[in-house]
Amino acid sequence: MRSDQPRLQVAKQVAGLFASLAEVEAVALGGSCASKTGASDSASDIDLYVFTRGEIPLEIRESIVDRTGGATQSSLNFNYWGMSDEWIHTPSGLEIDVIYFDAAWMENEISRVVEKHQASLGYTTCFWHTIRHSIPFSDPHAWFSKLQHRCLIEYPESLRQNIIAMNYPVLRTVIPAYAKQIEKAVAREDLVSINHRLAAFFASYFDIIFAVNRQLHPGEKRLVNLALNNCKSLPANMETDIHSILVTAGTHMSELPGRLARFLDCLDTMLEDEGLLNKTPM
């Protein structure tokens, strides 16, 4: 992790208060602040992962915000995408994002992917990446270190093939494939639907890209740059084509189906070169 003392000091202060709670199994620093590549920037928040064995009462979480200096703005008990507390730290102006994970649930997620090699539609290995690259601040029973140790394996070939087999058909080969849904949305001139399906399209696309290269999926941010920097096998013109697809979707939507077809042709070529295309259901 790069030197980022203000964020690190605030993170340790908040983590220490959570670590003292009976419901807490472990606390770890994640996100870009934990990245060894120095991926955090001025817009980066502090991501703290709190692994629990029971629900922490809201009033206790509110008291932690107060004890660490208060908040100029807060969104506590935030449960839209899983339980979290987010606030702007008054003394530093930093954004703090405390994300709560049930410890048993996380163990099951790691087992499902790392040991049982089960794929998802998009983002298959994100939690594996989360545990593997987070930095523990509190781990009194060595629960986190044991879970992290389970994540230090080589990328299983069966998981690689399962991710491709799960995500490849929905790009364009099955009847309700994303490319076909986008073509219908273009015919309807339905920009909202196009945007909705493109998001799902790229989620499965990048799950394939990272799996082919035996790279853990890093999440939702900087995917193009991370793929360019970490993946040896990439479809031709990937960066340029992604930019063109996204621009075309909002400006010349009639051209979008053709661009997507050529884009997926490049993916097919890469999969053929890797000897993986014939292992996907067609």
C-alpha atoms as a PDB file:
ATOM      1  CA  MET A   1       0.000   0.000   0.000  1.00  0.00           C
ATOM      2  CA  ARG A   2       1.320   3.404  -0.885  1.00  0.00           C
ATOM      3  CA  SER A   3       1.962   5.976   1.825  1.00  0.00           C
ATOM      4  CA  ASP A   4      -1.328   7.706   2.599  1.00  0.00           C
ATOM      5  CA  GLN A   5      -0.992   8.688   6.221  1.00  0.00           C
ATOM      6  CA  PRO A   6      -4.130  10.841   6.700  1.00  0.00           C
ATOM      7  CA  ARG A   7      -6.414   8.109   5.398  1.00  0.00           C
ATOM      8  CA  LEU A   8      -4.505   5.396   7.222  1.00  0.00           C
ATOM      9  CA  GLN A   9      -4.677   7.199  10.563  1.00  0.00           C
ATOM     10  CA  VAL A  10      -8.411   7.820  10.276  1.00  0.00           C
ATOM     11  CA  ALA A  11      -9.008   4.235   9.154  1.00  0.00           C
ATOM     12  CA  LYS A  12      -7.111   2.802  12.129  1.00  0.00           C
ATOM     13  CA  GLN A  13      -8.983   5.045  14.549  1.00  0.00           C
ATOM     14  CA  VAL A  14     -12.390   3.947  13.266  1.00  0.00           C
ATOM     15  CA  ALA A  15     -11.316   0.302  12.996  1.00  0.00           C
ATOM     16  CA  GLY A  16     -10.110   0.289  16.610  1.00  0.00           C
ATOM     17  CA  LEU A  17     -13.525   1.300  17.907  1.00  0.00           C
ATOM     18  CA  PHE A  18     -15.287  -1.391  15.898  1.00  0.00           C
ATOM     19  CA  ALA A  19     -12.734  -3.988  16.956  1.00  0.00           C
ATOM     20  CA  SER A  20     -13.741  -3.561  20.601  1.00  0.00           C
ATOM     21  CA  LEU A  21     -17.329  -4.685  19.956  1.00  0.00           C
ATOM     22  CA  ALA A  22     -18.445  -8.192  20.883  1.00  0.00           C
ATOM     23  CA  GLU A  23     -20.282  -8.629  17.577  1.00  0.00           C
ATOM     24  CA  VAL A  24     -17.156  -8.016  15.498  1.00  0.00           C
ATOM     25  CA  GLU A  25     -15.014 -10.917  14.296  1.00  0.00           C
ATOM     26  CA  ALA A  26     -12.520  -8.877  12.274  1.00  0.00           C
ATOM     27  CA  VAL A  27     -11.934  -5.473  10.673  1.00  0.00           C
ATOM     28  CA  ALA A  28      -9.971  -4.926   7.469  1.00  0.00           C
ATOM     29  CA  LEU A  29      -9.037  -2.063   5.168  1.00  0.00           C
ATOM     30  CA  GLY A  30     -10.087  -2.563   1.581  1.00  0.00           C
ATOM     31  CA  GLY A  31     -10.720  -0.690  -1.636  1.00  0.00           C
ATOM     32  CA  SER A  32      -8.164   1.495  -3.374  1.00  0.00           C
ATOM     33  CA  CYS A  33      -6.572   2.560  -0.067  1.00  0.00           C
ATOM     34  CA  ALA A  34      -5.414  -1.031   0.418  1.00  0.00           C
ATOM     35  CA  SER A  35      -4.089  -1.324  -3.116  1.00  0.00           C
ATOM     36  CA  LYS A  36      -0.389  -2.001  -3.536  1.00  0.00           C
ATOM     37  CA  THR A  37      -0.522  -0.179  -6.858  1.00  0.00           C
ATOM     38  CA  GLY A  38      -1.432   3.157  -5.287  1.00  0.00           C
ATOM     39  CA  ALA A  39      -4.813   3.231  -6.976  1.00  0.00           C
ATOM     40  CA  SER A  40      -6.381   5.681  -4.530  1.00  0.00           C
ATOM     41  CA  ASP A  41      -6.785   9.311  -5.524  1.00  0.00           C
ATOM     42  CA  SER A  42      -8.297  12.483  -4.099  1.00  0.00           C
ATOM     43  CA  ALA A  43     -11.800  11.123  -4.730  1.00  0.00           C
ATOM     44  CA  SER A  44     -11.164   7.813  -2.966  1.00  0.00           C
ATOM     45  CA  ASP A  45     -13.030   7.042   0.215  1.00  0.00           C
ATOM     46  CA  ILE A  46     -11.896   4.873   3.114  1.00  0.00           C
ATOM     47  CA  ASP A  47     -13.375   1.388   2.770  1.00  0.00           C
ATOM     48  CA  LEU A  48     -13.488  -0.518   6.044  1.00  0.00           C
ATOM     49  CA  TYR A  49     -14.859  -4.051   6.080  1.00  0.00           C
ATOM     50  CA  VAL A  50     -16.396  -5.091   9.395  1.00  0.00           C
ATOM     51  CA  PHE A  51     -17.050  -8.830   9.651  1.00  0.00           C
ATOM     52  CA  THR A  52     -19.687  -9.642  12.225  1.00  0.00           C
ATOM     53  CA  ARG A  53     -21.292 -12.483  14.169  1.00  0.00           C
ATOM     54  CA  GLY A  54     -24.374 -10.442  14.975  1.00  0.00           C
ATOM     55  CA  GLU A  55     -25.980  -7.098  14.213  1.00  0.00           C
ATOM     56  CA  ILE A  56     -24.331  -4.023  15.719  1.00  0.00           C
ATOM     57  CA  PRO A  57     -27.033  -1.704  17.106  1.00  0.00           C
ATOM     58  CA  LEU A  58     -27.417   1.564  15.242  1.00  0.00           C
ATOM     59  CA  GLU A  59     -26.896   3.662  18.375  1.00  0.00           C
ATOM     60  CA  ILE A  60     -23.472   2.092  18.894  1.00  0.00           C
ATOM     61  CA  ARG A  61     -22.510   2.809  15.303  1.00  0.00           C
ATOM     62  CA  GLU A  62     -23.707   6.386  15.717  1.00  0.00           C
ATOM     63  CA  SER A  63     -21.546   6.734  18.812  1.00  0.00           C
ATOM     64  CA  ILE A  64     -18.487   5.579  16.832  1.00  0.00           C
ATOM     65  CA  VAL A  65     -19.084   8.350  14.304  1.00  0.00           C
ATOM     66  CA  ASP A  66     -19.260  10.864  17.158  1.00  0.00           C
ATOM     67  CA  ARG A  67     -16.196   9.483  18.946  1.00  0.00           C
ATOM     68  CA  THR A  68     -14.064   9.726  15.812  1.00  0.00           C
ATOM     69  CA  GLY A  69     -14.865  13.419  15.333  1.00  0.00           C
ATOM     70  CA  GLY A  70     -18.415  13.549  14.026  1.00  0.00           C
ATOM     71  CA  ALA A  71     -19.776  13.966  10.526  1.00  0.00           C
ATOM     72  CA  THR A  72     -20.594  16.935   8.330  1.00  0.00           C
ATOM     73  CA  GLN A  73     -22.903  14.590   6.420  1.00  0.00           C
ATOM     74  CA  SER A  74     -23.920  10.995   7.031  1.00  0.00           C
ATOM     75  CA  SER A  75     -25.908   8.125   5.516  1.00  0.00           C
ATOM     76  CA  LEU A  76     -26.077   5.599   8.339  1.00  0.00           C
ATOM     77  CA  ASN A  77     -27.965   2.311   8.295  1.00  0.00           C
ATOM     78  CA  PHE A  78     -27.591   2.384   4.517  1.00  0.00           C
ATOM     79  CA  ASN A  79     -29.062  -0.913   3.290  1.00  0.00           C
ATOM     80  CA  TYR A  80     -29.612  -0.514  -0.449  1.00  0.00           C
ATOM     81  CA  TRP A  81     -26.670  -2.723  -1.522  1.00  0.00           C
ATOM     82  CA  GLY A  82     -25.978  -4.468   1.785  1.00  0.00           C
ATOM     83  CA  MET A  83     -25.620  -2.861   5.190  1.00  0.00           C
ATOM     84  CA  SER A  84     -23.173   0.018   5.451  1.00  0.00           C
ATOM     85  CA  ASP A  85     -22.577   3.323   7.205  1.00  0.00           C
ATOM     86  CA  GLU A  86     -21.128   6.232   5.243  1.00  0.00           C
ATOM     87  CA  TRP A  87     -20.146   9.650   6.487  1.00  0.00           C
ATOM     88  CA  ILE A  88     -17.902  12.631   5.824  1.00  0.00           C
ATOM     89  CA  HIS A  89     -15.387  12.779   8.657  1.00  0.00           C
ATOM     90  CA  THR A  90     -15.531  16.289  10.148  1.00  0.00           C
ATOM     91  CA  PRO A  91     -11.847  16.706  11.147  1.00  0.00           C
ATOM     92  CA  SER A  92     -10.370  15.466   7.853  1.00  0.00           C
ATOM     93  CA  GLY A  93     -13.136  15.867   5.273  1.00  0.00           C
ATOM     94  CA  LEU A  94     -12.550  12.268   4.199  1.00  0.00           C
ATOM     95  CA  GLU A  95     -15.413  10.009   3.178  1.00  0.00           C
ATOM     96  CA  ILE A  96     -15.642   6.870   5.287  1.00  0.00           C
ATOM     97  CA  ASP A  97     -17.516   3.811   4.093  1.00  0.00           C
ATOM     98  CA  VAL A  98     -17.970   1.049   6.666  1.00  0.00           C
ATOM     99  CA  ILE A  99     -19.339  -2.093   5.017  1.00  0.00           C
ATOM    100  CA  TYR A 100     -20.717  -4.900   7.186  1.00  0.00           C
ATOM    101  CA  PHE A 101     -20.364  -8.536   6.155  1.00  0.00           C
ATOM    102  CA  ASP A 102     -21.741 -11.472   8.053  1.00  0.00           C
ATOM    103  CA  ALA A 103     -18.675 -13.626   8.687  1.00  0.00           C
ATOM    104  CA  ALA A 104     -20.439 -16.930   7.970  1.00  0.00           C
ATOM    105  CA  TRP A 105     -21.878 -15.522   4.733  1.00  0.00           C
ATOM    106  CA  MET A 106     -18.431 -14.440   3.562  1.00  0.00           C
ATOM    107  CA  GLU A 107     -16.985 -17.862   4.369  1.00  0.00           C
ATOM    108  CA  ASN A 108     -19.691 -19.403   2.186  1.00  0.00           C
ATOM    109  CA  GLU A 109     -18.972 -16.976  -0.681  1.00  0.00           C
ATOM    110  CA  ILE A 110     -15.283 -17.842  -0.616  1.00  0.00           C
ATOM    111  CA  SER A 111     -16.044 -21.564  -0.490  1.00  0.00           C
ATOM    112  CA  ARG A 112     -18.543 -21.265  -3.338  1.00  0.00           C
ATOM    113  CA  VAL A 113     -16.035 -19.659  -5.704  1.00  0.00           C
ATOM    114  CA  VAL A 114     -12.562 -20.655  -4.508  1.00  0.00           C
ATOM    115  CA  GLU A 115     -13.286 -24.259  -3.581  1.00  0.00           C
ATOM    116  CA  LYS A 116     -16.493 -25.232  -5.410  1.00  0.00           C
ATOM    117  CA  HIS A 117     -15.651 -23.195  -8.527  1.00  0.00           C
ATOM    118  CA  GLN A 118     -19.180 -21.860  -9.033  1.00  0.00           C
ATOM    119  CA  ALA A 119     -19.571 -18.989 -11.490  1.00  0.00           C
ATOM    120  CA  SER A 120     -21.941 -16.006 -11.477  1.00  0.00           C
ATOM    121  CA  LEU A 121     -23.242 -13.659 -14.147  1.00  0.00           C
ATOM    122  CA  GLY A 122     -20.567 -11.006 -13.786  1.00  0.00           C
ATOM    123  CA  TYR A 123     -18.246 -10.221 -10.887  1.00  0.00           C
ATOM    124  CA  THR A 124     -17.634 -13.898 -10.011  1.00  0.00           C
ATOM    125  CA  THR A 125     -14.334 -13.469  -8.198  1.00  0.00           C
ATOM    126  CA  CYS A 126     -14.879 -10.026  -6.625  1.00  0.00           C
ATOM    127  CA  PHE A 127     -15.192 -11.263  -3.031  1.00  0.00           C
ATOM    128  CA  TRP A 128     -12.163 -13.488  -3.539  1.00  0.00           C
ATOM    129  CA  HIS A 129     -10.319 -10.347  -4.620  1.00  0.00           C
ATOM    130  CA  THR A 130     -11.734  -8.439  -1.627  1.00  0.00           C
ATOM    131  CA  ILE A 131     -10.472 -10.926   0.951  1.00  0.00           C
ATOM    132  CA  ARG A 132      -7.173 -11.620  -0.752  1.00  0.00           C
ATOM    133  CA  HIS A 133      -6.165  -7.955  -1.034  1.00  0.00           C
ATOM    134  CA  SER A 134      -7.626  -6.438   2.146  1.00  0.00           C
ATOM    135  CA  ILE A 135      -5.360  -5.470   5.039  1.00  0.00           C
ATOM    136  CA  PRO A 136      -6.494  -6.740   8.460  1.00  0.00           C
ATOM    137  CA  PHE A 137      -6.584  -4.178  11.267  1.00  0.00           C
ATOM    138  CA  SER A 138      -8.176  -6.457  13.867  1.00  0.00           C
ATOM    139  CA  ASP A 139      -8.289 -10.256  13.792  1.00  0.00           C
ATOM    140  CA  PRO A 140      -8.153 -11.535  17.386  1.00  0.00           C
ATOM    141  CA  HIS A 141      -9.191 -15.125  16.601  1.00  0.00           C
ATOM    142  CA  ALA A 142      -7.216 -15.368  13.336  1.00  0.00           C
ATOM    143  CA  TRP A 143     -10.507 -15.849  11.478  1.00  0.00           C
ATOM    144  CA  PHE A 144      -9.605 -13.381   8.741  1.00  0.00           C
ATOM    145  CA  SER A 145      -6.062 -14.663   8.316  1.00  0.00           C
ATOM    146  CA  LYS A 146      -7.371 -18.215   7.864  1.00  0.00           C
ATOM    147  CA  LEU A 147      -9.942 -17.074   5.329  1.00  0.00           C
ATOM    148  CA  GLN A 148      -7.317 -15.025   3.521  1.00  0.00           C
ATOM    149  CA  HIS A 149      -5.015 -18.048   3.458  1.00  0.00           C
ATOM    150  CA  ARG A 150      -7.758 -20.024   1.669  1.00  0.00           C
ATOM    151  CA  CYS A 151      -7.701 -17.303  -0.980  1.00  0.00           C
ATOM    152  CA  LEU A 152      -3.985 -17.645  -1.735  1.00  0.00           C
ATOM    153  CA  ILE A 153      -4.397 -20.435  -4.256  1.00  0.00           C
ATOM    154  CA  GLU A 154      -3.681 -20.540  -7.964  1.00  0.00           C
ATOM    155  CA  TYR A 155      -6.631 -19.729 -10.190  1.00  0.00           C
ATOM    156  CA  PRO A 156      -8.523 -23.029 -10.683  1.00  0.00           C
ATOM    157  CA  GLU A 157      -8.873 -24.049 -14.316  1.00  0.00           C
ATOM    158  CA  SER A 158     -12.383 -25.385 -13.732  1.00  0.00           C
ATOM    159  CA  LEU A 159     -13.470 -22.008 -12.323  1.00  0.00           C
ATOM    160  CA  ARG A 160     -11.954 -20.286 -15.349  1.00  0.00           C
ATOM    161  CA  GLN A 161     -13.936 -22.494 -17.716  1.00  0.00           C
ATOM    162  CA  ASN A 162     -17.118 -22.232 -15.620  1.00  0.00           C
ATOM    163  CA  ILE A 163     -17.029 -18.430 -15.719  1.00  0.00           C
ATOM    164  CA  ILE A 164     -16.683 -18.434 -19.492  1.00  0.00           C
ATOM    165  CA  ALA A 165     -19.398 -21.076 -19.876  1.00  0.00           C
ATOM    166  CA  MET A 166     -21.769 -19.060 -17.672  1.00  0.00           C
ATOM    167  CA  ASN A 167     -21.132 -15.617 -19.151  1.00  0.00           C
ATOM    168  CA  TYR A 168     -20.363 -16.199 -22.834  1.00  0.00           C
ATOM    169  CA  PRO A 169     -23.809 -17.378 -24.007  1.00  0.00           C
ATOM    170  CA  VAL A 170     -25.649 -14.381 -22.558  1.00  0.00           C
ATOM    171  CA  LEU A 171     -23.559 -11.992 -24.635  1.00  0.00           C
ATOM    172  CA  ARG A 172     -25.140 -13.018 -27.941  1.00  0.00           C
ATOM    173  CA  THR A 173     -25.733 -16.776 -28.492  1.00  0.00           C
ATOM    174  CA  VAL A 174     -28.894 -17.526 -26.474  1.00  0.00           C
ATOM    175  CA  ILE A 175     -32.303 -16.151 -27.480  1.00  0.00           C
ATOM    176  CA  PRO A 176     -32.482 -13.489 -24.717  1.00  0.00           C
ATOM    177  CA  ALA A 177     -28.778 -12.544 -25.042  1.00  0.00           C
ATOM    178  CA  TYR A 178     -27.802  -8.996 -24.140  1.00  0.00           C
ATOM    179  CA  ALA A 179     -26.802  -8.121 -27.711  1.00  0.00           C
ATOM    180  CA  LYS A 180     -30.233  -9.200 -28.940  1.00  0.00           C
ATOM    181  CA  GLN A 181     -32.001  -7.269 -26.204  1.00  0.00           C
ATOM    182  CA  ILE A 182     -29.948  -4.196 -27.118  1.00  0.00           C
ATOM    183  CA  GLU A 183     -30.890  -4.592 -30.777  1.00  0.00           C
ATOM    184  CA  LYS A 184     -34.577  -4.583 -29.800  1.00  0.00           C
ATOM    185  CA  ALA A 185     -34.030  -1.541 -27.576  1.00  0.00           C
ATOM    186  CA  VAL A 186     -32.345   0.275 -30.492  1.00  0.00           C
ATOM    187  CA  ALA A 187     -35.337  -0.462 -32.694  1.00  0.00           C
ATOM    188  CA  ARG A 188     -37.546   1.069 -30.019  1.00  0.00           C
ATOM    189  CA  GLU A 189     -35.146   4.002 -29.552  1.00  0.00           C
ATOM    190  CA  ASP A 190     -35.193   3.144 -25.838  1.00  0.00           C
ATOM    191  CA  LEU A 191     -32.044   4.724 -24.397  1.00  0.00           C
ATOM    192  CA  VAL A 192     -32.782   3.638 -20.823  1.00  0.00           C
ATOM    193  CA  SER A 193     -33.122   0.008 -21.875  1.00  0.00           C
ATOM    194  CA  ILE A 194     -29.937   0.241 -23.947  1.00  0.00           C
ATOM    195  CA  ASN A 195     -28.032   1.569 -20.956  1.00  0.00           C
ATOM    196  CA  HIS A 196     -29.491  -1.125 -18.684  1.00  0.00           C
ATOM    197  CA  ARG A 197     -28.487  -3.977 -20.989  1.00  0.00           C
ATOM    198  CA  LEU A 198     -25.071  -2.533 -21.814  1.00  0.00           C
ATOM    199  CA  ALA A 199     -24.217  -2.503 -18.101  1.00  0.00           C
ATOM    200  CA  ALA A 200     -25.079  -6.199 -17.832  1.00  0.00           C
ATOM    201  CA  PHE A 201     -23.274  -6.896 -21.119  1.00  0.00           C
ATOM    202  CA  PHE A 202     -20.017  -5.392 -19.846  1.00  0.00           C
ATOM    203  CA  ALA A 203     -20.364  -7.134 -16.475  1.00  0.00           C
ATOM    204  CA  SER A 204     -20.297 -10.529 -18.190  1.00  0.00           C
ATOM    205  CA  TYR A 205     -17.713  -9.393 -20.741  1.00  0.00           C
ATOM    206  CA  PHE A 206     -15.194  -8.377 -18.097  1.00  0.00           C
ATOM    207  CA  ASP A 207     -15.884 -11.488 -16.033  1.00  0.00           C
ATOM    208  CA  ILE A 208     -14.711 -13.427 -19.083  1.00  0.00           C
ATOM    209  CA  ILE A 209     -11.699 -11.175 -19.695  1.00  0.00           C
ATOM    210  CA  PHE A 210     -10.377 -11.515 -16.159  1.00  0.00           C
ATOM    211  CA  ALA A 211     -11.102 -15.260 -16.052  1.00  0.00           C
ATOM    212  CA  VAL A 212      -9.254 -15.907 -19.310  1.00  0.00           C
ATOM    213  CA  ASN A 213      -6.211 -14.182 -17.810  1.00  0.00           C
ATOM    214  CA  ARG A 214      -6.609 -15.894 -14.421  1.00  0.00           C
ATOM    215  CA  GLN A 215      -6.981 -12.506 -12.772  1.00  0.00           C
ATOM    216  CA  LEU A 216      -9.353 -11.839  -9.889  1.00  0.00           C
ATOM    217  CA  HIS A 217     -12.140  -9.430 -10.778  1.00  0.00           C
ATOM    218  CA  PRO A 218     -11.313  -6.081  -9.067  1.00  0.00           C
ATOM    219  CA  GLY A 219     -14.873  -4.695  -8.919  1.00  0.00           C
ATOM    220  CA  GLU A 220     -16.630  -1.894 -10.769  1.00  0.00           C
ATOM    221  CA  LYS A 221     -13.963   0.802 -11.157  1.00  0.00           C
ATOM    222  CA  ARG A 222     -11.174   1.320 -13.696  1.00  0.00           C
ATOM    223  CA  LEU A 223     -11.896  -1.990 -15.429  1.00  0.00           C
ATOM    224  CA  VAL A 224     -10.425  -1.008 -18.786  1.00  0.00           C
ATOM    225  CA  ASN A 225      -7.179   0.289 -17.277  1.00  0.00           C
ATOM    226  CA  LEU A 226      -6.850  -2.686 -14.941  1.00  0.00           C
ATOM    227  CA  ALA A 227      -7.408  -5.098 -17.810  1.00  0.00           C
ATOM    228  CA  LEU A 228      -4.839  -3.294 -19.964  1.00  0.00           C
ATOM    229  CA  ASN A 229      -2.290  -3.316 -17.147  1.00  0.00           C
ATOM    230  CA  ASN A 230      -2.809  -6.842 -15.821  1.00  0.00           C
ATOM    231  CA  CYS A 231      -4.094  -9.030 -18.657  1.00  0.00           C
ATOM    232  CA  LYS A 232      -1.823 -10.466 -21.335  1.00  0.00           C
ATOM    233  CA  SER A 233      -4.651 -11.793 -23.510  1.00  0.00           C
ATOM    234  CA  LEU A 234      -7.098  -9.143 -24.667  1.00  0.00           C
ATOM    235  CA  PRO A 235      -9.391  -8.798 -27.687  1.00  0.00           C
ATOM    236  CA  ALA A 236      -8.015  -6.568 -30.435  1.00  0.00           C
ATOM    237  CA  ASN A 237      -8.877  -2.880 -30.078  1.00  0.00           C
ATOM    238  CA  MET A 238     -10.734  -3.478 -26.808  1.00  0.00           C
ATOM    239  CA  GLU A 239     -10.197  -0.031 -25.297  1.00  0.00           C
ATOM    240  CA  THR A 240     -11.075   1.860 -28.474  1.00  0.00           C
ATOM    241  CA  ASP A 241     -14.095  -0.314 -29.174  1.00  0.00           C
ATOM    242  CA  ILE A 242     -15.537   0.089 -25.688  1.00  0.00           C
ATOM    243  CA  HIS A 243     -15.269   3.862 -25.995  1.00  0.00           C
ATOM    244  CA  SER A 244     -16.933   3.764 -29.415  1.00  0.00           C
ATOM    245  CA  ILE A 245     -19.766   1.543 -28.181  1.00  0.00           C
ATOM    246  CA  LEU A 246     -20.579   3.824 -25.274  1.00  0.00           C
ATOM    247  CA  VAL A 247     -20.445   6.958 -27.415  1.00  0.00           C
ATOM    248  CA  THR A 248     -22.506   5.348 -30.169  1.00  0.00           C
ATOM    249  CA  ALA A 249     -25.191   4.263 -27.681  1.00  0.00           C
ATOM    250  CA  GLY A 250     -26.033   7.888 -26.979  1.00  0.00           C
ATOM    251  CA  THR A 251     -25.334   9.515 -30.337  1.00  0.00           C
ATOM    252  CA  HIS A 252     -25.822   7.079 -33.241  1.00  0.00           C
ATOM    253  CA  MET A 253     -27.745   4.217 -31.693  1.00  0.00           C
ATOM    254  CA  SER A 254     -28.635   2.661 -35.064  1.00  0.00           C
ATOM    255  CA  GLU A 255     -24.941   1.737 -35.433  1.00  0.00           C
ATOM    256  CA  LEU A 256     -24.780   0.028 -32.052  1.00  0.00           C
ATOM    257  CA  PRO A 257     -25.792  -3.553 -33.021  1.00  0.00           C
ATOM    258  CA  GLY A 258     -23.126  -3.660 -35.718  1.00  0.00           C
ATOM    259  CA  ARG A 259     -20.455  -2.327 -33.373  1.00  0.00           C
ATOM    260  CA  LEU A 260     -21.385  -4.894 -30.733  1.00  0.00           C
ATOM    261  CA  ALA A 261     -21.206  -7.707 -33.293  1.00  0.00           C
ATOM    262  CA  ARG A 262     -17.685  -6.697 -34.359  1.00  0.00           C
ATOM    263  CA  PHE A 263     -16.696  -6.233 -30.714  1.00  0.00           C
ATOM    264  CA  LEU A 264     -17.823  -9.774 -29.894  1.00  0.00           C
ATOM    265  CA  ASP A 265     -16.071 -11.135 -32.978  1.00  0.00           C
ATOM    266  CA  CYS A 266     -12.826  -9.886 -31.425  1.00  0.00           C
ATOM    267  CA  LEU A 267     -13.710 -11.649 -28.177  1.00  0.00           C
ATOM    268  CA  ASP A 268     -14.341 -14.862 -30.119  1.00  0.00           C
ATOM    269  CA  THR A 269     -10.940 -14.574 -31.782  1.00  0.00           C
ATOM    270  CA  MET A 270      -9.235 -14.197 -28.414  1.00  0.00           C
ATOM    271  CA  LEU A 271     -11.117 -17.192 -26.977  1.00  0.00           C
ATOM    272  CA  GLU A 272     -10.220 -19.267 -30.040  1.00  0.00           C
ATOM    273  CA  ASP A 273      -6.560 -18.300 -29.655  1.00  0.00           C
ATOM    274  CA  GLU A 274      -6.706 -19.447 -26.013  1.00  0.00           C
ATOM    275  CA  GLY A 275      -8.417 -22.710 -26.981  1.00  0.00           C
ATOM    276  CA  LEU A 276     -11.447 -21.778 -24.901  1.00  0.00           C
ATOM    277  CA  LEU A 277     -14.228 -21.002 -27.363  1.00  0.00           C
ATOM    278  CA  ASN A 278     -15.084 -24.656 -28.033  1.00  0.00           C
ATOM    279  CA  LYS A 279     -15.560 -25.174 -24.270  1.00  0.00           C
ATOM    280  CA  THR A 280     -18.451 -22.747 -24.080  1.00  0.00           C
ATOM    281  CA  PRO A 281     -22.042 -23.761 -24.819  1.00  0.00           C
ATOM    282  CA  MET A 282     -22.996 -22.383 -28.247  1.00  0.00           C
END
